[in-house]
PDB file of all heavy atoms in Angstrom:
ATOM      1  N   PRO A   1      -7.162   4.755  22.085  1.00  0.00           N
ATOM      2  CA  PRO A   1      -8.309   5.044  21.273  1.00  0.00           C
ATOM      3  C   PRO A   1      -8.256   4.417  19.914  1.00  0.00           C
ATOM      4  O   PRO A   1      -7.174   4.180  19.334  1.00  0.00           O
ATOM      5  CB  PRO A   1      -8.276   6.667  21.130  1.00  0.00           C
ATOM      6  CG  PRO A   1      -6.819   6.910  21.301  1.00  0.00           C
ATOM      7  CD  PRO A   1      -6.288   5.880  22.346  1.00  0.00           C
ATOM      8  N   ARG A   2      -9.347   4.143  19.355  1.00  0.00           N
ATOM      9  CA  ARG A   2      -9.472   3.549  18.030  1.00  0.00           C
ATOM     10  C   ARG A   2      -9.127   4.519  16.976  1.00  0.00           C
ATOM     11  O   ARG A   2      -9.236   5.742  17.149  1.00  0.00           O
ATOM     12  CB  ARG A   2     -10.850   3.000  17.748  1.00  0.00           C
ATOM     13  CG  ARG A   2     -11.362   1.940  18.673  1.00  0.00           C
ATOM     14  CD  ARG A   2     -12.749   1.490  18.366  1.00  0.00           C
ATOM     15  NE  ARG A   2     -13.266   0.540  19.415  1.00  0.00           N
ATOM     16  CZ  ARG A   2     -13.146  -0.744  19.322  1.00  0.00           C
ATOM     17  NH1 ARG A   2     -12.620  -1.274  18.197  1.00  0.00           N
ATOM     18  NH2 ARG A   2     -13.663  -1.517  20.256  1.00  0.00           N
ATOM     19  N   LEU A   3      -8.568   4.060  15.836  1.00  0.00           N
ATOM     20  CA  LEU A   3      -8.164   4.908  14.732  1.00  0.00           C
ATOM     21  C   LEU A   3      -9.092   4.715  13.569  1.00  0.00           C
ATOM     22  O   LEU A   3      -9.586   3.553  13.246  1.00  0.00           O
ATOM     23  CB  LEU A   3      -6.741   4.555  14.226  1.00  0.00           C
ATOM     24  CG  LEU A   3      -5.631   4.755  15.368  1.00  0.00           C
ATOM     25  CD1 LEU A   3      -4.295   4.280  14.829  1.00  0.00           C
ATOM     26  CD2 LEU A   3      -5.534   6.172  15.794  1.00  0.00           C
ATOM     27  N   ALA A   4      -9.372   5.805  12.821  1.00  0.00           N
ATOM     28  CA  ALA A   4     -10.185   5.761  11.610  1.00  0.00           C
ATOM     29  C   ALA A   4      -9.271   5.367  10.465  1.00  0.00           C
ATOM     30  O   ALA A   4      -8.529   6.221   9.992  1.00  0.00           O
ATOM     31  CB  ALA A   4     -10.815   7.074  11.355  1.00  0.00           C
ATOM     32  N   LEU A   5      -9.282   4.122  10.066  1.00  0.00           N
ATOM     33  CA  LEU A   5      -8.302   3.611   9.053  1.00  0.00           C
ATOM     34  C   LEU A   5      -8.980   3.317   7.723  1.00  0.00           C
ATOM     35  O   LEU A   5      -8.270   3.014   6.728  1.00  0.00           O
ATOM     36  CB  LEU A   5      -7.571   2.377   9.580  1.00  0.00           C
ATOM     37  CG  LEU A   5      -6.780   2.652  10.844  1.00  0.00           C
ATOM     38  CD1 LEU A   5      -6.136   1.330  11.286  1.00  0.00           C
ATOM     39  CD2 LEU A   5      -5.663   3.663  10.606  1.00  0.00           C
ATOM     40  N   ILE A   6     -10.288   3.195   7.698  1.00  0.00           N
ATOM     41  CA  ILE A   6     -11.001   3.068   6.403  1.00  0.00           C
ATOM     42  C   ILE A   6     -12.011   4.155   6.141  1.00  0.00           C
ATOM     43  O   ILE A   6     -12.150   4.997   7.029  1.00  0.00           O
ATOM     44  CB  ILE A   6     -11.683   1.645   6.367  1.00  0.00           C
ATOM     45  CG1 ILE A   6     -12.774   1.550   7.478  1.00  0.00           C
ATOM     46  CG2 ILE A   6     -10.678   0.517   6.527  1.00  0.00           C
ATOM     47  CD1 ILE A   6     -13.617   0.307   7.296  1.00  0.00           C
ATOM     48  N   ASN A   7     -12.531   4.154   4.958  1.00  0.00           N
ATOM     49  CA  ASN A   7     -13.440   5.201   4.519  1.00  0.00           C
ATOM     50  C   ASN A   7     -12.717   6.581   4.533  1.00  0.00           C
ATOM     51  O   ASN A   7     -13.327   7.612   4.752  1.00  0.00           O
ATOM     52  CB  ASN A   7     -14.676   5.305   5.386  1.00  0.00           C
ATOM     53  CG  ASN A   7     -15.479   4.007   5.349  1.00  0.00           C
ATOM     54  OD1 ASN A   7     -15.502   3.360   4.321  1.00  0.00           O
ATOM     55  ND2 ASN A   7     -16.183   3.716   6.397  1.00  0.00           N
ATOM     56  N   ASN A   8     -11.407   6.530   4.312  1.00  0.00           N
ATOM     57  CA  ASN A   8     -10.606   7.690   4.212  1.00  0.00           C
ATOM     58  C   ASN A   8      -9.335   7.414   3.407  1.00  0.00           C
ATOM     59  O   ASN A   8      -9.161   6.274   2.813  1.00  0.00           O
ATOM     60  CB  ASN A   8     -10.240   8.282   5.544  1.00  0.00           C
ATOM     61  CG  ASN A   8      -9.659   7.221   6.430  1.00  0.00           C
ATOM     62  OD1 ASN A   8      -8.861   6.381   5.955  1.00  0.00           O
ATOM     63  ND2 ASN A   8      -9.821   7.279   7.707  1.00  0.00           N
ATOM     64  N   GLU A   9      -8.526   8.436   3.197  1.00  0.00           N
ATOM     65  CA  GLU A   9      -7.349   8.234   2.402  1.00  0.00           C
ATOM     66  C   GLU A   9      -6.367   7.277   3.021  1.00  0.00           C
ATOM     67  O   GLU A   9      -5.505   6.672   2.197  1.00  0.00           O
ATOM     68  CB  GLU A   9      -6.654   9.609   2.097  1.00  0.00           C
ATOM     69  CG  GLU A   9      -7.453  10.566   1.288  1.00  0.00           C
ATOM     70  CD  GLU A   9      -6.753  11.846   0.956  1.00  0.00           C
ATOM     71  OE1 GLU A   9      -5.614  11.955   1.416  1.00  0.00           O
ATOM     72  OE2 GLU A   9      -7.314  12.707   0.271  1.00  0.00           O
ATOM     73  N   THR A  10      -6.329   7.149   4.299  1.00  0.00           N
ATOM     74  CA  THR A  10      -5.376   6.235   4.993  1.00  0.00           C
ATOM     75  C   THR A  10      -5.594   4.770   4.506  1.00  0.00           C
ATOM     76  O   THR A  10      -4.633   4.136   4.056  1.00  0.00           O
ATOM     77  CB  THR A  10      -5.516   6.340   6.481  1.00  0.00           C
ATOM     78  OG1 THR A  10      -5.351   7.665   6.946  1.00  0.00           O
ATOM     79  CG2 THR A  10      -4.547   5.359   7.169  1.00  0.00           C
ATOM     80  N   GLY A  11      -6.817   4.370   4.492  1.00  0.00           N
ATOM     81  CA  GLY A  11      -7.073   2.970   4.005  1.00  0.00           C
ATOM     82  C   GLY A  11      -6.784   2.801   2.561  1.00  0.00           C
ATOM     83  O   GLY A  11      -6.343   1.716   2.125  1.00  0.00           O
ATOM     84  N   VAL A  12      -7.043   3.856   1.777  1.00  0.00           N
ATOM     85  CA  VAL A  12      -6.810   3.750   0.270  1.00  0.00           C
ATOM     86  C   VAL A  12      -5.260   3.646   0.075  1.00  0.00           C
ATOM     87  O   VAL A  12      -4.869   2.797  -0.718  1.00  0.00           O
ATOM     88  CB  VAL A  12      -7.347   4.949  -0.411  1.00  0.00           C
ATOM     89  CG1 VAL A  12      -6.898   4.987  -1.888  1.00  0.00           C
ATOM     90  CG2 VAL A  12      -8.916   4.989  -0.336  1.00  0.00           C
ATOM     91  N   VAL A  13      -4.521   4.467   0.732  1.00  0.00           N
ATOM     92  CA  VAL A  13      -3.037   4.439   0.563  1.00  0.00           C
ATOM     93  C   VAL A  13      -2.459   3.081   0.963  1.00  0.00           C
ATOM     94  O   VAL A  13      -1.625   2.492   0.271  1.00  0.00           O
ATOM     95  CB  VAL A  13      -2.373   5.522   1.331  1.00  0.00           C
ATOM     96  CG1 VAL A  13      -0.871   5.419   1.310  1.00  0.00           C
ATOM     97  CG2 VAL A  13      -2.751   6.904   0.711  1.00  0.00           C
ATOM     98  N   ILE A  14      -2.889   2.596   2.112  1.00  0.00           N
ATOM     99  CA  ILE A  14      -2.384   1.299   2.602  1.00  0.00           C
ATOM    100  C   ILE A  14      -2.763   0.163   1.629  1.00  0.00           C
ATOM    101  O   ILE A  14      -1.834  -0.665   1.352  1.00  0.00           O
ATOM    102  CB  ILE A  14      -2.880   0.995   4.039  1.00  0.00           C
ATOM    103  CG1 ILE A  14      -2.421   1.991   5.008  1.00  0.00           C
ATOM    104  CG2 ILE A  14      -2.619  -0.480   4.441  1.00  0.00           C
ATOM    105  CD1 ILE A  14      -3.009   1.858   6.448  1.00  0.00           C
ATOM    106  N   SER A  15      -3.987   0.074   1.156  1.00  0.00           N
ATOM    107  CA  SER A  15      -4.338  -0.995   0.280  1.00  0.00           C
ATOM    108  C   SER A  15      -3.710  -0.896  -1.051  1.00  0.00           C
ATOM    109  O   SER A  15      -3.289  -1.921  -1.625  1.00  0.00           O
ATOM    110  CB  SER A  15      -5.849  -1.000   0.210  1.00  0.00           C
ATOM    111  OG  SER A  15      -6.397   0.207  -0.260  1.00  0.00           O
ATOM    112  N   VAL A  16      -3.624   0.296  -1.656  1.00  0.00           N
ATOM    113  CA  VAL A  16      -2.957   0.449  -2.897  1.00  0.00           C
ATOM    114  C   VAL A  16      -1.445   0.200  -2.809  1.00  0.00           C
ATOM    115  O   VAL A  16      -0.943  -0.468  -3.710  1.00  0.00           O
ATOM    116  CB  VAL A  16      -3.244   1.929  -3.450  1.00  0.00           C
ATOM    117  CG1 VAL A  16      -2.468   2.173  -4.736  1.00  0.00           C
ATOM    118  CG2 VAL A  16      -4.694   2.108  -3.748  1.00  0.00           C
ATOM    119  N   LEU A  17      -0.871   0.567  -1.730  1.00  0.00           N
ATOM    120  CA  LEU A  17       0.524   0.290  -1.493  1.00  0.00           C
ATOM    121  C   LEU A  17       0.765  -1.205  -1.409  1.00  0.00           C
ATOM    122  O   LEU A  17       1.760  -1.767  -2.000  1.00  0.00           O
ATOM    123  CB  LEU A  17       1.029   0.969  -0.235  1.00  0.00           C
ATOM    124  CG  LEU A  17       2.548   0.759   0.103  1.00  0.00           C
ATOM    125  CD1 LEU A  17       3.343   1.334  -0.967  1.00  0.00           C
ATOM    126  CD2 LEU A  17       2.790   1.454   1.483  1.00  0.00           C
ATOM    127  N   ASN A  18      -0.120  -1.941  -0.735  1.00  0.00           N
ATOM    128  CA  ASN A  18       0.031  -3.371  -0.652  1.00  0.00           C
ATOM    129  C   ASN A  18      -0.101  -4.062  -1.980  1.00  0.00           C
ATOM    130  O   ASN A  18       0.534  -5.078  -2.301  1.00  0.00           O
ATOM    131  CB  ASN A  18      -1.091  -3.869   0.279  1.00  0.00           C
ATOM    132  CG  ASN A  18      -1.196  -5.392   0.265  1.00  0.00           C
ATOM    133  OD1 ASN A  18      -2.123  -5.958  -0.304  1.00  0.00           O
ATOM    134  ND2 ASN A  18      -0.305  -6.124   0.916  1.00  0.00           N
ATOM    135  N   PHE A  19      -0.922  -3.493  -2.883  1.00  0.00           N
ATOM    136  CA  PHE A  19      -1.110  -4.072  -4.187  1.00  0.00           C
ATOM    137  C   PHE A  19       0.090  -3.755  -5.102  1.00  0.00           C
ATOM    138  O   PHE A  19       0.538  -4.618  -5.923  1.00  0.00           O
ATOM    139  CB  PHE A  19      -2.452  -3.445  -4.846  1.00  0.00           C
ATOM    140  CG  PHE A  19      -2.550  -3.788  -6.289  1.00  0.00           C
ATOM    141  CD1 PHE A  19      -2.926  -5.067  -6.727  1.00  0.00           C
ATOM    142  CD2 PHE A  19      -2.329  -2.766  -7.243  1.00  0.00           C
ATOM    143  CE1 PHE A  19      -3.092  -5.368  -8.006  1.00  0.00           C
ATOM    144  CE2 PHE A  19      -2.477  -3.066  -8.621  1.00  0.00           C
ATOM    145  CZ  PHE A  19      -2.919  -4.366  -8.994  1.00  0.00           C
ATOM    146  N   ILE A  20       0.692  -2.569  -4.958  1.00  0.00           N
ATOM    147  CA  ILE A  20       1.746  -2.156  -5.888  1.00  0.00           C
ATOM    148  C   ILE A  20       3.104  -2.581  -5.465  1.00  0.00           C
ATOM    149  O   ILE A  20       3.979  -2.890  -6.309  1.00  0.00           O
ATOM    150  CB  ILE A  20       1.679  -0.583  -6.086  1.00  0.00           C
ATOM    151  CG1 ILE A  20       0.417  -0.156  -6.820  1.00  0.00           C
ATOM    152  CG2 ILE A  20       2.922  -0.020  -6.685  1.00  0.00           C
ATOM    153  CD1 ILE A  20       0.210   1.275  -6.913  1.00  0.00           C
ATOM    154  N   LEU A  21       3.273  -2.693  -4.147  1.00  0.00           N
ATOM    155  CA  LEU A  21       4.665  -3.002  -3.687  1.00  0.00           C
ATOM    156  C   LEU A  21       5.340  -4.209  -4.273  1.00  0.00           C
ATOM    157  O   LEU A  21       6.481  -4.184  -4.628  1.00  0.00           O
ATOM    158  CB  LEU A  21       4.643  -3.079  -2.097  1.00  0.00           C
ATOM    159  CG  LEU A  21       5.961  -2.940  -1.396  1.00  0.00           C
ATOM    160  CD1 LEU A  21       6.633  -1.635  -1.770  1.00  0.00           C
ATOM    161  CD2 LEU A  21       5.773  -3.081   0.096  1.00  0.00           C
ATOM    162  N   PRO A  22       4.635  -5.398  -4.458  1.00  0.00           N
ATOM    163  CA  PRO A  22       5.241  -6.526  -5.109  1.00  0.00           C
ATOM    164  C   PRO A  22       5.730  -6.260  -6.517  1.00  0.00           C
ATOM    165  O   PRO A  22       6.833  -6.646  -6.871  1.00  0.00           O
ATOM    166  CB  PRO A  22       4.132  -7.583  -5.158  1.00  0.00           C
ATOM    167  CG  PRO A  22       3.258  -7.221  -3.930  1.00  0.00           C
ATOM    168  CD  PRO A  22       3.301  -5.743  -3.965  1.00  0.00           C
ATOM    169  N   PHE A  23       4.950  -5.573  -7.331  1.00  0.00           N
ATOM    170  CA  PHE A  23       5.431  -5.155  -8.678  1.00  0.00           C
ATOM    171  C   PHE A  23       6.704  -4.297  -8.606  1.00  0.00           C
ATOM    172  O   PHE A  23       7.634  -4.474  -9.320  1.00  0.00           O
ATOM    173  CB  PHE A  23       4.327  -4.398  -9.373  1.00  0.00           C
ATOM    174  CG  PHE A  23       3.083  -5.167  -9.690  1.00  0.00           C
ATOM    175  CD1 PHE A  23       2.020  -5.095  -8.828  1.00  0.00           C
ATOM    176  CD2 PHE A  23       3.016  -5.952 -10.762  1.00  0.00           C
ATOM    177  CE1 PHE A  23       0.850  -5.858  -9.053  1.00  0.00           C
ATOM    178  CE2 PHE A  23       1.802  -6.715 -11.020  1.00  0.00           C
ATOM    179  CZ  PHE A  23       0.790  -6.624 -10.201  1.00  0.00           C
ATOM    180  N   PHE A  24       6.656  -3.339  -7.659  1.00  0.00           N
ATOM    181  CA  PHE A  24       7.856  -2.464  -7.560  1.00  0.00           C
ATOM    182  C   PHE A  24       9.067  -3.236  -7.096  1.00  0.00           C
ATOM    183  O   PHE A  24      10.098  -3.157  -7.682  1.00  0.00           O
ATOM    184  CB  PHE A  24       7.556  -1.318  -6.467  1.00  0.00           C
ATOM    185  CG  PHE A  24       8.683  -0.437  -6.230  1.00  0.00           C
ATOM    186  CD1 PHE A  24       8.797   0.760  -6.938  1.00  0.00           C
ATOM    187  CD2 PHE A  24       9.712  -0.675  -5.265  1.00  0.00           C
ATOM    188  CE1 PHE A  24       9.818   1.644  -6.751  1.00  0.00           C
ATOM    189  CE2 PHE A  24      10.674   0.188  -5.018  1.00  0.00           C
ATOM    190  CZ  PHE A  24      10.755   1.390  -5.811  1.00  0.00           C
ATOM    191  N   VAL A  25       8.976  -4.120  -6.113  1.00  0.00           N
ATOM    192  CA  VAL A  25      10.114  -4.868  -5.562  1.00  0.00           C
ATOM    193  C   VAL A  25      10.684  -5.752  -6.613  1.00  0.00           C
ATOM    194  O   VAL A  25      11.900  -5.857  -6.862  1.00  0.00           O
ATOM    195  CB  VAL A  25       9.713  -5.633  -4.292  1.00  0.00           C
ATOM    196  CG1 VAL A  25      10.843  -6.527  -3.886  1.00  0.00           C
ATOM    197  CG2 VAL A  25       9.434  -4.591  -3.179  1.00  0.00           C
ATOM    198  N   LEU A  26       9.872  -6.523  -7.323  1.00  0.00           N
ATOM    199  CA  LEU A  26      10.312  -7.524  -8.288  1.00  0.00           C
ATOM    200  C   LEU A  26      10.912  -6.837  -9.473  1.00  0.00           C
ATOM    201  O   LEU A  26      11.905  -7.372 -10.046  1.00  0.00           O
ATOM    202  CB  LEU A  26       9.173  -8.429  -8.712  1.00  0.00           C
ATOM    203  CG  LEU A  26       8.593  -9.374  -7.652  1.00  0.00           C
ATOM    204  CD1 LEU A  26       7.433 -10.122  -8.160  1.00  0.00           C
ATOM    205  CD2 LEU A  26       9.644 -10.289  -7.151  1.00  0.00           C
ATOM    206  N   THR A  27      10.406  -5.693  -9.901  1.00  0.00           N
ATOM    207  CA  THR A  27      11.130  -4.943 -10.975  1.00  0.00           C
ATOM    208  C   THR A  27      12.436  -4.359 -10.590  1.00  0.00           C
ATOM    209  O   THR A  27      13.364  -4.551 -11.238  1.00  0.00           O
ATOM    210  CB  THR A  27      10.150  -3.758 -11.437  1.00  0.00           C
ATOM    211  OG1 THR A  27       8.864  -4.296 -11.786  1.00  0.00           O
ATOM    212  CG2 THR A  27      10.757  -3.040 -12.623  1.00  0.00           C
ATOM    213  N   LEU A  28      12.510  -3.822  -9.342  1.00  0.00           N
ATOM    214  CA  LEU A  28      13.782  -3.266  -8.909  1.00  0.00           C
ATOM    215  C   LEU A  28      14.793  -4.302  -8.559  1.00  0.00           C
ATOM    216  O   LEU A  28      16.031  -4.201  -8.706  1.00  0.00           O
ATOM    217  CB  LEU A  28      13.525  -2.380  -7.688  1.00  0.00           C
ATOM    218  CG  LEU A  28      14.693  -1.641  -7.074  1.00  0.00           C
ATOM    219  CD1 LEU A  28      15.410  -0.672  -8.154  1.00  0.00           C
ATOM    220  CD2 LEU A  28      14.298  -0.786  -5.849  1.00  0.00           C
ATOM    221  N   PHE A  29      14.326  -5.497  -8.095  1.00  0.00           N
ATOM    222  CA  PHE A  29      15.175  -6.602  -7.813  1.00  0.00           C
ATOM    223  C   PHE A  29      15.965  -7.018  -9.086  1.00  0.00           C
ATOM    224  O   PHE A  29      17.173  -7.325  -8.946  1.00  0.00           O
ATOM    225  CB  PHE A  29      14.293  -7.771  -7.284  1.00  0.00           C
ATOM    226  CG  PHE A  29      14.932  -9.112  -7.360  1.00  0.00           C
ATOM    227  CD1 PHE A  29      16.017  -9.410  -6.550  1.00  0.00           C
ATOM    228  CD2 PHE A  29      14.535 -10.082  -8.249  1.00  0.00           C
ATOM    229  CE1 PHE A  29      16.623 -10.638  -6.644  1.00  0.00           C
ATOM    230  CE2 PHE A  29      15.101 -11.290  -8.406  1.00  0.00           C
ATOM    231  CZ  PHE A  29      16.190 -11.629  -7.544  1.00  0.00           C
ATOM    232  N   GLY A  30      15.351  -7.087 -10.202  1.00  0.00           N
ATOM    233  CA  GLY A  30      16.058  -7.440 -11.410  1.00  0.00           C
ATOM    234  C   GLY A  30      17.104  -6.438 -11.765  1.00  0.00           C
ATOM    235  O   GLY A  30      18.178  -6.840 -12.239  1.00  0.00           O
ATOM    236  N   ALA A  31      16.837  -5.136 -11.530  1.00  0.00           N
ATOM    237  CA  ALA A  31      17.846  -4.113 -11.841  1.00  0.00           C
ATOM    238  C   ALA A  31      19.023  -4.211 -10.873  1.00  0.00           C
ATOM    239  O   ALA A  31      20.171  -4.044 -11.300  1.00  0.00           O
ATOM    240  CB  ALA A  31      17.140  -2.738 -11.712  1.00  0.00           C
TER     241      ALA A  31
END
């Protein structure tokens, strides 16, 4: 069955995580 992945919190979390993860990784990488 198809999954409802947009127009809900699931899509928001996935997209925001994709945006933030590089900042998080590069900051922690230096530490």
